[in-house]
Amino acid sequence: MNRNAHTSKKQTSKTAASEGRRGKEEQAEFIKKCEEIVKGLQAHSWKDLEVGHKFRHNEKLDLITAGSLIVGCDIGSVKHFIRAIDAQGRALTNKPFPFENDEEGFKAAHDWMVKVAAQNDKTQIVLALEPTGHYWFCFAAWCTSHGITVVQVNPYAVKATKEIQDNSQLKSDRKDPGVIAELAKNGNYSIPYIAEGTYASLRELELFRERVSEDRIRDINRLCQEMDKYFPEYRRIYKEVDKVFSLAVLAKAPLPEDIVRIGEDGVRALWHSEKLRGGGYSKAAELLQKAKHSVGLREGQAQARMSIQYLAGSIRDKDARLDEIDAEITKLAKSIQCVEKLTAIPGLGERIISGILSEIGDLIRFDGVKEIQKYSGLGLVSESSGKHNGETHISHRGRKRLRYWLYIGARSVVVHSSEFAKLHTYYTTREENPLKKMQSLMAIACKLLRVIYVILTKGVDYDPQKLLGDIVRPENAKNKTKGAAVA
């Protein structure tokens, strides 16, 4: 009995040792397989897929092969969630994998994706994400540098698709990654564009300028509020309190009693010390007269003086900062090929040009100007069904800042350019389908975009006569009609 038990114990230990060796061998093979997958990973960027040809839906489907692991990622500010499916849409993981928005979390997500790919005999990884604010930039760039192809899906598509799976309006970080991966599997994605070189610098500077401008406007509003309380007559003299003569006074003598104390000569001395020139000196007497009879508050003046002087100084600092930013933006914009030809368009200044180019980015990724028009949200859409023809309007789905700069450019060229003014008049007064003024400005914004695209891509000069070719004059229409009748 003891002999049999001893023999059974030896056999059990041999089996365990054999299974242990087999397990180590399998583990070593699995590790080797993961290493081979990592070595073979190859990321595709917009330069590979979109330059020189249109990246159509069929090409998007071809990018997803049987050997692709499709990973959907729901981006958050602190934590991200990912899930994996194959090219047939089968879920390869039961639960989403959470990871932090830092290097350790990125490495954990990378190891998880490689592990799932090795378990399911996949050789390439496609990461699909929903662009949420700015939180996706770092993870997308990190994955691309590690051989993972990154694509993005439209948030509108995610919102419209998520109810298909379970007929539920539920939105959660655990549900969304699967929906995102499914959209990518069906080819409903685009290749993300992260600006590089000059365009990246331009975009960052434009964003910086916008923030400084917003802070400046906020300071002006606060300054107006303080002046309305303690010197309400002041804004009758200076409707715009941020002018240089006004800020020079507010920095040294912000309250009525301060102006009365230094007198008219003191006010002029303030402006003289600032080396200001012009007709602003004539307002010194009026300023003193208003200060003597001001009905502003008397309580809390010491604190109000500190606040007003701080706001005036802050506005002046921001003005100096904006001048520095504008100089750097102009310098960068001039380094873009053929950009100097755009200045020949009357009304199109350097600020508008740099704003438009910073939002468009590298033009080589677009096959035509219609793509940029759609990218800006100026593409025309309508809702029609059966006998109902809906009103046509712009989509508003695109880069809002690009749409803003094109609108500002359209307004400027209509005012300063005779040919664009004629085009605006034609659009609003033509017999067939006359446009409203805002509709005409949107049409001119699209026309301006086409002009900019042709000049930058072909290097041609601006030709006002070609621009006016869109105007259908009565004599031209008659000639066309006669020619058609003869034919």
Protein backbone atom coordinates (compact mmCIF):
# COMPACT_ATOMS: atom_id res chain seq x y z
CA MET A 1 0.00 0.00 0.00
CA ASN A 2 2.79 2.32 0.94
CA ARG A 3 4.74 1.22 -2.16
CA ASN A 4 1.79 2.05 -4.44
CA ALA A 5 1.29 5.40 -2.77
CA HIS A 6 4.97 6.19 -3.18
CA THR A 7 4.83 5.23 -6.88
CA SER A 8 1.69 7.37 -7.40
CA LYS A 9 3.37 10.30 -5.67
CA LYS A 10 6.43 10.03 -7.95
CA GLN A 11 4.22 9.90 -11.05
CA THR A 12 2.27 12.95 -9.85
CA SER A 13 5.49 14.92 -9.28
CA LYS A 14 6.77 13.90 -12.76
CA THR A 15 3.48 15.01 -14.33
CA ALA A 16 3.60 18.31 -12.48
CA ALA A 17 7.20 18.87 -13.55
CA SER A 18 6.31 18.01 -17.15
CA GLU A 19 3.35 20.40 -17.09
CA GLY A 20 5.56 23.05 -15.53
CA ARG A 21 8.15 22.67 -18.31
CA ARG A 22 5.38 22.73 -20.92
CA GLY A 23 3.89 25.84 -19.32
CA LYS A 24 7.27 27.60 -19.34
CA GLU A 25 7.81 26.65 -22.97
CA GLU A 26 4.35 27.92 -23.93
CA GLN A 27 4.97 31.10 -21.98
CA ALA A 28 8.32 31.58 -23.72
CA GLU A 29 6.70 31.00 -27.10
CA PHE A 30 3.94 33.49 -26.24
CA ILE A 31 6.49 36.12 -25.20
CA LYS A 32 8.41 35.53 -28.41
CA LYS A 33 5.18 35.89 -30.39
CA CYS A 34 4.43 39.19 -28.65
CA GLU A 35 7.92 40.45 -29.44
CA GLU A 36 7.49 39.55 -33.11
CA ILE A 37 4.17 41.41 -33.21
CA VAL A 38 5.78 44.50 -31.67
CA LYS A 39 8.61 44.38 -34.23
CA GLY A 40 6.14 44.03 -37.12
CA LEU A 41 3.79 46.84 -36.10
CA GLN A 42 3.57 49.57 -38.73
CA ALA A 43 1.61 52.78 -38.24
CA HIS A 44 -0.10 54.51 -41.18
CA SER A 45 -0.44 58.30 -41.02
CA TRP A 46 -2.33 60.82 -43.16
CA LYS A 47 0.83 61.27 -45.26
CA ASP A 48 0.72 57.57 -46.23
CA LEU A 49 -3.00 57.35 -46.96
CA GLU A 50 -4.30 60.75 -48.04
CA VAL A 51 -1.54 62.51 -49.97
CA GLY A 52 -1.79 62.20 -53.76
CA HIS A 53 -5.11 60.39 -53.86
CA LYS A 54 -8.52 60.38 -52.22
CA PHE A 55 -8.82 57.99 -49.28
CA ARG A 56 -12.23 56.56 -50.15
CA HIS A 57 -14.48 54.24 -48.18
CA ASN A 58 -13.26 51.11 -50.00
CA GLU A 59 -9.64 51.99 -49.14
CA LYS A 60 -10.70 52.41 -45.52
CA LEU A 61 -12.20 48.92 -45.56
CA ASP A 62 -9.03 47.52 -47.18
CA LEU A 63 -6.96 48.91 -44.32
CA ILE A 64 -8.89 46.63 -41.93
CA THR A 65 -7.74 43.08 -42.77
CA ALA A 66 -8.22 39.68 -41.20
CA GLY A 67 -4.94 40.18 -39.37
CA SER A 68 -6.04 43.47 -37.79
CA LEU A 69 -6.91 43.92 -34.16
CA ILE A 70 -9.39 46.81 -33.92
CA VAL A 71 -9.24 48.58 -30.59
CA GLY A 72 -11.89 51.13 -29.67
CA CYS A 73 -10.87 53.78 -27.15
CA ASP A 74 -13.10 56.12 -25.19
CA ILE A 75 -10.99 59.14 -24.26
CA GLY A 76 -11.33 60.81 -20.87
CA SER A 77 -9.52 63.61 -19.10
CA VAL A 78 -7.82 61.29 -16.58
CA LYS A 79 -8.68 57.70 -17.49
CA HIS A 80 -9.25 56.00 -20.88
CA PHE A 81 -11.07 52.71 -21.68
CA ILE A 82 -10.31 50.33 -24.56
CA ARG A 83 -11.98 47.21 -26.00
CA ALA A 84 -10.89 44.94 -28.86
CA ILE A 85 -12.75 43.28 -31.75
CA ASP A 86 -11.68 41.51 -34.95
CA ALA A 87 -12.46 42.33 -38.59
CA GLN A 88 -15.76 40.38 -38.36
CA GLY A 89 -16.90 42.38 -35.35
CA ARG A 90 -16.45 39.57 -32.80
CA ALA A 91 -15.60 40.82 -29.33
CA LEU A 92 -12.20 39.55 -28.25
CA THR A 93 -12.42 40.84 -24.68
CA ASN A 94 -15.25 40.64 -22.19
CA LYS A 95 -14.45 43.76 -20.23
CA PRO A 96 -12.94 47.12 -21.18
CA PHE A 97 -9.38 47.79 -20.07
CA PRO A 98 -8.94 51.05 -18.12
CA PHE A 99 -5.63 52.93 -18.02
CA GLU A 100 -4.36 56.29 -16.84
CA ASN A 101 -3.40 59.23 -19.04
CA ASP A 102 0.35 58.97 -18.40
CA GLU A 103 3.36 57.00 -19.65
CA GLU A 104 2.76 54.08 -17.29
CA GLY A 105 -0.86 53.86 -18.43
CA PHE A 106 0.11 54.08 -22.11
CA LYS A 107 2.60 51.22 -21.69
CA ALA A 108 -0.02 49.13 -19.89
CA ALA A 109 -2.50 49.72 -22.72
CA HIS A 110 0.18 48.86 -25.32
CA ASP A 111 1.04 45.60 -23.54
CA TRP A 112 -2.65 44.73 -23.26
CA MET A 113 -3.25 45.32 -26.99
CA VAL A 114 -0.18 43.25 -27.96
CA LYS A 115 -1.26 40.44 -25.64
CA VAL A 116 -4.77 40.31 -27.12
CA ALA A 117 -3.29 40.41 -30.64
CA ALA A 118 -0.99 37.46 -29.85
CA GLN A 119 -3.83 35.44 -28.32
CA ASN A 120 -5.92 35.88 -31.47
CA ASP A 121 -3.16 35.61 -34.13
CA LYS A 122 -3.34 39.29 -35.16
CA THR A 123 -0.34 41.07 -36.62
CA GLN A 124 -1.47 44.70 -36.85
CA ILE A 125 -3.28 47.00 -34.44
CA VAL A 126 -5.71 49.75 -35.43
CA LEU A 127 -6.67 52.11 -32.62
CA ALA A 128 -9.97 53.94 -33.14
CA LEU A 129 -10.85 56.83 -30.86
CA GLU A 130 -13.47 59.53 -30.50
CA PRO A 131 -11.69 62.91 -30.42
CA THR A 132 -12.66 64.48 -27.11
CA GLY A 133 -11.29 67.97 -26.70
CA HIS A 134 -7.50 67.92 -26.52
CA TYR A 135 -7.15 64.85 -24.32
CA TRP A 136 -6.52 62.45 -27.22
CA PHE A 137 -3.48 64.25 -28.69
CA CYS A 138 -0.81 62.68 -26.45
CA PHE A 139 -2.14 59.11 -26.61
CA ALA A 140 -2.58 59.25 -30.40
CA ALA A 141 0.96 60.57 -30.93
CA TRP A 142 2.40 57.98 -28.52
CA CYS A 143 0.61 55.08 -30.25
CA THR A 144 1.67 56.26 -33.71
CA SER A 145 5.31 56.39 -32.57
CA HIS A 146 4.94 52.76 -31.37
CA GLY A 147 3.65 51.40 -34.69
CA ILE A 148 -0.09 51.52 -34.01
CA THR A 149 -2.32 53.03 -36.70
CA VAL A 150 -4.61 55.62 -35.14
CA VAL A 151 -7.97 56.53 -36.71
CA GLN A 152 -10.80 58.70 -35.39
CA VAL A 153 -14.57 58.38 -35.61
CA ASN A 154 -17.08 61.20 -35.69
CA PRO A 155 -18.77 61.89 -32.32
CA TYR A 156 -22.08 62.35 -34.17
CA ALA A 157 -21.72 58.81 -35.55
CA VAL A 158 -20.98 57.41 -32.09
CA LYS A 159 -24.05 59.10 -30.64
CA ALA A 160 -26.29 57.83 -33.45
CA THR A 161 -24.90 54.27 -33.37
CA LYS A 162 -24.74 53.44 -29.68
CA GLU A 163 -28.46 52.55 -29.42
CA ILE A 164 -28.17 49.90 -32.14
CA GLN A 165 -26.34 47.42 -29.92
CA ASP A 166 -28.78 47.22 -27.00
CA ASN A 167 -31.63 49.58 -27.92
CA SER A 168 -30.67 51.69 -24.92
CA GLN A 169 -29.80 55.35 -24.54
CA LEU A 170 -27.19 54.41 -21.94
CA LYS A 171 -23.87 56.18 -22.36
CA SER A 172 -20.88 54.94 -20.39
CA ASP A 173 -17.12 54.66 -20.64
CA ARG A 174 -17.53 50.88 -20.80
CA LYS A 175 -20.06 50.86 -23.66
CA ASP A 176 -18.58 53.52 -25.95
CA PRO A 177 -15.27 51.74 -26.82
CA GLY A 178 -17.17 48.86 -28.42
CA VAL A 179 -19.29 51.26 -30.50
CA ILE A 180 -16.18 53.14 -31.62
CA ALA A 181 -14.41 49.93 -32.66
CA GLU A 182 -17.50 48.78 -34.60
CA LEU A 183 -17.61 52.05 -36.55
CA ALA A 184 -13.94 51.72 -37.46
CA LYS A 185 -14.47 48.13 -38.56
CA ASN A 186 -17.12 49.31 -41.02
CA GLY A 187 -14.82 51.96 -42.48
CA ASN A 188 -16.61 54.90 -40.86
CA TYR A 189 -13.48 56.70 -39.73
CA SER A 190 -10.95 59.31 -40.80
CA ILE A 191 -7.21 59.68 -40.37
CA PRO A 192 -6.39 62.26 -37.68
CA TYR A 193 -4.28 65.23 -38.61
CA ILE A 194 -1.85 66.68 -36.09
CA ALA A 195 -0.19 69.81 -37.43
CA GLU A 196 3.56 69.67 -37.95
CA GLY A 197 6.35 72.20 -38.41
CA THR A 198 5.27 75.71 -39.36
CA TYR A 199 1.58 74.81 -39.28
CA ALA A 200 1.87 73.45 -35.73
CA SER A 201 3.61 76.66 -34.61
CA LEU A 202 1.00 78.81 -36.36
CA ARG A 203 -1.88 76.92 -34.77
CA GLU A 204 -0.37 77.18 -31.29
CA LEU A 205 0.29 80.89 -31.70
CA GLU A 206 -3.23 81.53 -32.99
CA LEU A 207 -4.66 79.62 -30.03
CA PHE A 208 -2.41 81.59 -27.67
CA ARG A 209 -3.48 84.87 -29.27
CA GLU A 210 -7.14 83.96 -28.97
CA ARG A 211 -6.73 83.27 -25.24
CA VAL A 212 -4.87 86.53 -24.65
CA SER A 213 -7.55 88.43 -26.59
CA GLU A 214 -10.30 86.81 -24.54
CA ASP A 215 -8.51 87.74 -21.31
CA ARG A 216 -8.09 91.30 -22.60
CA ILE A 217 -11.81 91.60 -23.37
CA ARG A 218 -12.57 90.25 -19.91
CA ASP A 219 -10.31 92.90 -18.33
CA ILE A 220 -11.98 95.65 -20.38
CA ASN A 221 -15.44 94.57 -19.22
CA ARG A 222 -14.30 94.54 -15.60
CA LEU A 223 -12.68 97.95 -16.04
CA CYS A 224 -15.92 99.37 -17.47
CA GLN A 225 -17.80 97.99 -14.48
CA GLU A 226 -15.45 99.72 -12.04
CA MET A 227 -15.58 103.02 -13.93
CA ASP A 228 -19.38 102.94 -14.06
CA LYS A 229 -19.40 102.73 -10.26
CA TYR A 230 -16.72 105.25 -9.34
CA PHE A 231 -16.53 107.58 -12.37
CA PRO A 232 -19.69 107.05 -14.49
CA GLU A 233 -19.03 110.18 -16.58
CA TYR A 234 -15.71 108.80 -17.80
CA ARG A 235 -17.22 106.61 -20.51
CA ARG A 236 -18.96 109.63 -22.04
CA ILE A 237 -15.51 110.99 -22.79
CA TYR A 238 -13.91 107.67 -23.73
CA LYS A 239 -16.42 105.25 -25.19
CA GLU A 240 -13.56 102.78 -25.60
CA VAL A 241 -11.64 102.73 -22.33
CA ASP A 242 -8.79 100.65 -23.78
CA LYS A 243 -7.42 103.48 -25.97
CA VAL A 244 -3.86 104.62 -25.23
CA PHE A 245 -4.82 108.08 -23.88
CA SER A 246 -7.44 106.52 -21.61
CA LEU A 247 -5.16 103.81 -20.25
CA ALA A 248 -2.41 106.36 -19.57
CA VAL A 249 -4.81 108.30 -17.32
CA LEU A 250 -6.27 105.23 -15.59
CA ALA A 251 -2.81 103.87 -14.79
CA LYS A 252 -1.91 106.99 -12.74
CA ALA A 253 -5.13 108.91 -11.94
CA PRO A 254 -8.07 106.50 -12.14
CA LEU A 255 -10.58 108.29 -9.86
CA PRO A 256 -12.19 111.75 -10.13
CA GLU A 257 -10.38 113.04 -7.03
CA ASP A 258 -7.03 112.01 -8.56
CA ILE A 259 -7.74 114.00 -11.72
CA VAL A 260 -8.89 117.02 -9.72
CA ARG A 261 -5.74 116.81 -7.61
CA ILE A 262 -3.29 116.85 -10.57
CA GLY A 263 -5.37 119.27 -12.67
CA GLU A 264 -5.49 119.77 -16.43
CA ASP A 265 -1.74 120.34 -16.69
CA GLY A 266 -1.10 117.16 -14.74
CA VAL A 267 -3.24 115.13 -17.13
CA ARG A 268 -1.36 116.56 -20.09
CA ALA A 269 1.93 115.80 -18.31
CA LEU A 270 0.83 112.14 -17.96
CA TRP A 271 0.26 111.88 -21.69
CA HIS A 272 3.49 113.73 -22.43
CA SER A 273 5.47 111.33 -20.22
CA GLU A 274 3.99 108.46 -22.24
CA LYS A 275 5.20 110.22 -25.43
CA LEU A 276 1.69 110.20 -26.88
CA ARG A 277 0.93 112.24 -29.97
CA GLY A 278 -2.29 113.35 -31.65
CA GLY A 279 -5.49 115.16 -30.82
CA GLY A 280 -6.09 113.37 -27.54
CA TYR A 281 -4.70 116.30 -25.53
CA SER A 282 -7.85 118.31 -26.25
CA LYS A 283 -9.87 116.12 -23.87
CA ALA A 284 -7.89 117.14 -20.77
CA ALA A 285 -10.17 120.09 -19.93
CA GLU A 286 -13.34 118.04 -20.42
CA LEU A 287 -11.93 115.25 -18.27
CA LEU A 288 -11.22 117.68 -15.43
CA GLN A 289 -14.67 119.25 -15.68
CA LYS A 290 -16.41 115.87 -15.49
CA ALA A 291 -14.22 114.82 -12.57
CA LYS A 292 -15.20 117.91 -10.53
CA HIS A 293 -18.91 117.10 -10.82
CA SER A 294 -18.77 113.31 -10.76
CA VAL A 295 -21.54 111.38 -8.98
CA GLY A 296 -19.42 108.27 -8.51
CA LEU A 297 -19.28 106.30 -5.26
CA ARG A 298 -17.17 107.62 -2.45
CA GLU A 299 -16.88 104.46 -0.36
CA GLY A 300 -14.15 101.91 -1.10
CA GLN A 301 -12.20 104.27 -3.31
CA ALA A 302 -8.79 103.05 -2.16
CA GLN A 303 -9.60 99.49 -3.17
CA ALA A 304 -11.23 100.65 -6.42
CA ARG A 305 -8.09 102.61 -7.28
CA MET A 306 -5.98 99.47 -6.89
CA SER A 307 -8.41 97.45 -9.04
CA ILE A 308 -8.59 100.03 -11.84
CA GLN A 309 -4.83 100.53 -11.97
CA TYR A 310 -4.29 96.77 -12.06
CA LEU A 311 -6.79 96.29 -14.90
CA ALA A 312 -5.33 99.18 -16.91
CA GLY A 313 -1.84 97.75 -16.50
CA SER A 314 -3.07 94.27 -17.41
CA ILE A 315 -4.64 95.56 -20.64
CA ARG A 316 -1.42 97.36 -21.57
CA ASP A 317 0.63 94.21 -20.90
CA LYS A 318 -1.70 92.16 -23.05
CA ASP A 319 -1.46 94.74 -25.85
CA ALA A 320 2.33 94.38 -25.80
CA ARG A 321 2.02 90.59 -25.76
CA LEU A 322 -0.39 90.65 -28.70
CA ASP A 323 2.07 92.76 -30.70
CA GLU A 324 4.78 90.15 -30.06
CA ILE A 325 2.48 87.30 -31.06
CA ASP A 326 1.35 89.10 -34.23
CA ALA A 327 4.95 89.71 -35.26
CA GLU A 328 5.81 86.02 -34.78
CA ILE A 329 2.66 84.88 -36.62
CA THR A 330 3.47 87.14 -39.57
CA LYS A 331 7.03 85.81 -39.67
CA LEU A 332 5.86 82.19 -39.71
CA ALA A 333 3.13 82.81 -42.29
CA LYS A 334 5.58 84.41 -44.69
CA SER A 335 7.69 81.22 -44.66
CA ILE A 336 4.85 79.29 -46.40
CA GLN A 337 5.32 78.94 -50.13
CA CYS A 338 3.42 81.45 -52.35
CA VAL A 339 1.73 83.06 -49.33
CA GLU A 340 2.98 86.50 -50.41
CA LYS A 341 0.72 86.21 -53.50
CA LEU A 342 -2.35 86.24 -51.23
CA THR A 343 -1.62 89.80 -50.10
CA ALA A 344 -2.52 90.95 -53.63
CA ILE A 345 -6.18 90.30 -52.77
CA PRO A 346 -7.57 93.65 -51.53
CA GLY A 347 -8.84 93.36 -47.96
CA LEU A 348 -6.97 90.14 -47.18
CA GLY A 349 -4.46 91.21 -44.53
CA GLU A 350 -1.72 89.22 -42.85
CA ARG A 351 -3.82 88.48 -39.76
CA ILE A 352 -6.65 86.97 -41.79
CA ILE A 353 -4.23 84.99 -43.99
CA SER A 354 -2.35 83.53 -41.02
CA GLY A 355 -5.62 82.71 -39.25
CA ILE A 356 -6.98 80.81 -42.26
CA LEU A 357 -3.71 78.93 -42.90
CA SER A 358 -3.26 77.96 -39.25
CA GLU A 359 -6.67 76.31 -39.23
CA ILE A 360 -6.39 74.61 -42.63
CA GLY A 361 -2.91 73.19 -42.02
CA ASP A 362 -0.93 71.45 -44.74
CA LEU A 363 -2.82 71.68 -48.04
CA ILE A 364 -1.25 68.54 -49.51
CA ARG A 365 -3.63 66.35 -47.53
CA PHE A 366 -6.65 67.72 -49.44
CA ASP A 367 -7.51 66.50 -52.95
CA GLY A 368 -9.67 69.52 -53.72
CA VAL A 369 -11.14 72.66 -52.29
CA LYS A 370 -14.50 70.97 -51.62
CA GLU A 371 -12.82 68.86 -48.96
CA ILE A 372 -11.61 72.01 -47.21
CA GLN A 373 -15.08 73.52 -47.53
CA LYS A 374 -16.56 70.47 -45.82
CA TYR A 375 -13.71 70.50 -43.29
CA SER A 376 -14.64 74.07 -42.32
CA GLY A 377 -18.35 73.30 -41.92
CA LEU A 378 -19.33 75.36 -44.98
CA GLY A 379 -20.58 72.35 -46.93
CA LEU A 380 -24.19 72.67 -48.10
CA VAL A 381 -26.77 70.23 -46.71
CA SER A 382 -30.55 69.92 -46.94
CA GLU A 383 -33.26 67.58 -45.70
CA SER A 384 -35.42 66.32 -48.57
CA SER A 385 -37.85 63.44 -48.65
CA GLY A 386 -40.43 62.61 -51.32
CA LYS A 387 -42.18 65.82 -52.38
CA HIS A 388 -40.61 67.80 -49.55
CA ASN A 389 -37.50 69.81 -50.42
CA GLY A 390 -35.84 71.18 -47.31
CA GLU A 391 -34.02 74.48 -47.13
CA THR A 392 -30.33 74.31 -48.02
CA HIS A 393 -27.91 75.56 -45.37
CA ILE A 394 -24.30 75.08 -44.30
CA SER A 395 -23.57 72.05 -42.12
CA HIS A 396 -21.72 73.87 -39.29
CA ARG A 397 -19.85 70.56 -38.75
CA GLY A 398 -16.18 71.32 -38.98
CA ARG A 399 -13.49 73.62 -37.64
CA LYS A 400 -15.32 76.57 -36.13
CA ARG A 401 -12.24 78.81 -36.11
CA LEU A 402 -11.60 78.20 -39.81
CA ARG A 403 -15.22 79.11 -40.56
CA TYR A 404 -14.79 82.25 -38.47
CA TRP A 405 -11.66 83.39 -40.32
CA LEU A 406 -13.24 82.73 -43.71
CA TYR A 407 -16.26 84.79 -42.69
CA ILE A 408 -14.02 87.64 -41.47
CA GLY A 409 -12.08 87.42 -44.74
CA ALA A 410 -15.31 87.52 -46.78
CA ARG A 411 -16.52 90.64 -44.98
CA SER A 412 -13.16 92.34 -45.44
CA VAL A 413 -12.82 91.65 -49.18
CA VAL A 414 -16.39 92.75 -49.85
CA VAL A 415 -15.56 96.13 -48.29
CA HIS A 416 -12.09 96.63 -49.81
CA SER A 417 -12.23 94.75 -53.10
CA SER A 418 -14.33 96.08 -55.98
CA GLU A 419 -14.56 92.66 -57.66
CA PHE A 420 -15.77 90.90 -54.51
CA ALA A 421 -18.21 93.79 -53.93
CA LYS A 422 -19.63 93.26 -57.43
CA LEU A 423 -19.92 89.55 -56.74
CA HIS A 424 -21.76 90.28 -53.48
CA THR A 425 -24.15 92.63 -55.29
CA TYR A 426 -24.76 90.01 -57.99
CA TYR A 427 -25.53 87.26 -55.47
CA THR A 428 -28.04 89.43 -53.59
CA THR A 429 -29.80 91.03 -56.60
CA ARG A 430 -29.86 88.35 -59.33
CA GLU A 431 -33.27 87.46 -60.72
CA GLU A 432 -33.04 83.71 -60.10
CA ASN A 433 -32.45 82.57 -56.53
CA PRO A 434 -31.21 85.84 -54.98
CA LEU A 435 -29.36 85.29 -51.74
CA LYS A 436 -29.73 87.05 -48.42
CA LYS A 437 -26.75 89.09 -47.27
CA MET A 438 -25.47 86.44 -44.86
CA GLN A 439 -25.95 83.70 -47.45
CA SER A 440 -24.01 85.80 -49.94
CA LEU A 441 -21.16 86.25 -47.45
CA MET A 442 -21.01 82.48 -46.95
CA ALA A 443 -20.88 82.00 -50.74
CA ILE A 444 -18.09 84.59 -50.97
CA ALA A 445 -16.24 82.85 -48.12
CA CYS A 446 -16.29 79.65 -50.19
CA LYS A 447 -15.19 81.62 -53.27
CA LEU A 448 -12.33 83.17 -51.28
CA LEU A 449 -11.32 79.70 -50.10
CA ARG A 450 -11.14 78.49 -53.72
CA VAL A 451 -9.01 81.48 -54.68
CA ILE A 452 -6.60 80.85 -51.78
CA TYR A 453 -6.37 77.14 -52.62
CA VAL A 454 -5.56 77.74 -56.29
CA ILE A 455 -2.95 80.40 -55.54
CA LEU A 456 -1.15 78.28 -52.94
CA THR A 457 -1.27 74.98 -54.81
CA LYS A 458 -0.55 76.24 -58.35
CA GLY A 459 1.49 79.34 -57.54
CA VAL A 460 -0.53 81.58 -59.89
CA ASP A 461 -1.17 85.28 -59.33
CA TYR A 462 -4.49 86.72 -58.26
CA ASP A 463 -6.64 87.64 -61.28
CA PRO A 464 -9.73 89.81 -60.57
CA GLN A 465 -11.18 89.14 -64.06
CA LYS A 466 -11.37 85.40 -63.47
CA LEU A 467 -13.16 86.08 -60.22
CA LEU A 468 -15.87 88.05 -62.02
CA GLY A 469 -16.48 85.19 -64.43
CA ASP A 470 -19.17 83.86 -62.07
CA ILE A 471 -21.40 86.84 -62.76
CA VAL A 472 -23.95 85.94 -65.46
CA ARG A 473 -24.72 89.18 -67.31
CA PRO A 474 -27.87 89.53 -69.45
CA GLU A 475 -25.92 89.98 -72.70
CA ASN A 476 -23.86 86.85 -71.97
CA ALA A 477 -27.02 84.90 -71.23
CA LYS A 478 -28.57 86.06 -74.55
CA ASN A 479 -25.47 85.08 -76.48
CA LYS A 480 -25.49 81.64 -74.87
CA THR A 481 -29.18 81.22 -75.75
CA LYS A 482 -28.62 82.24 -79.40
CA GLY A 483 -25.65 79.92 -79.67
CA ALA A 484 -27.71 77.04 -78.34
CA ALA A 485 -30.55 77.81 -80.82
CA VAL A 486 -28.13 77.86 -83.79
CA ALA A 487 -26.60 74.60 -82.66
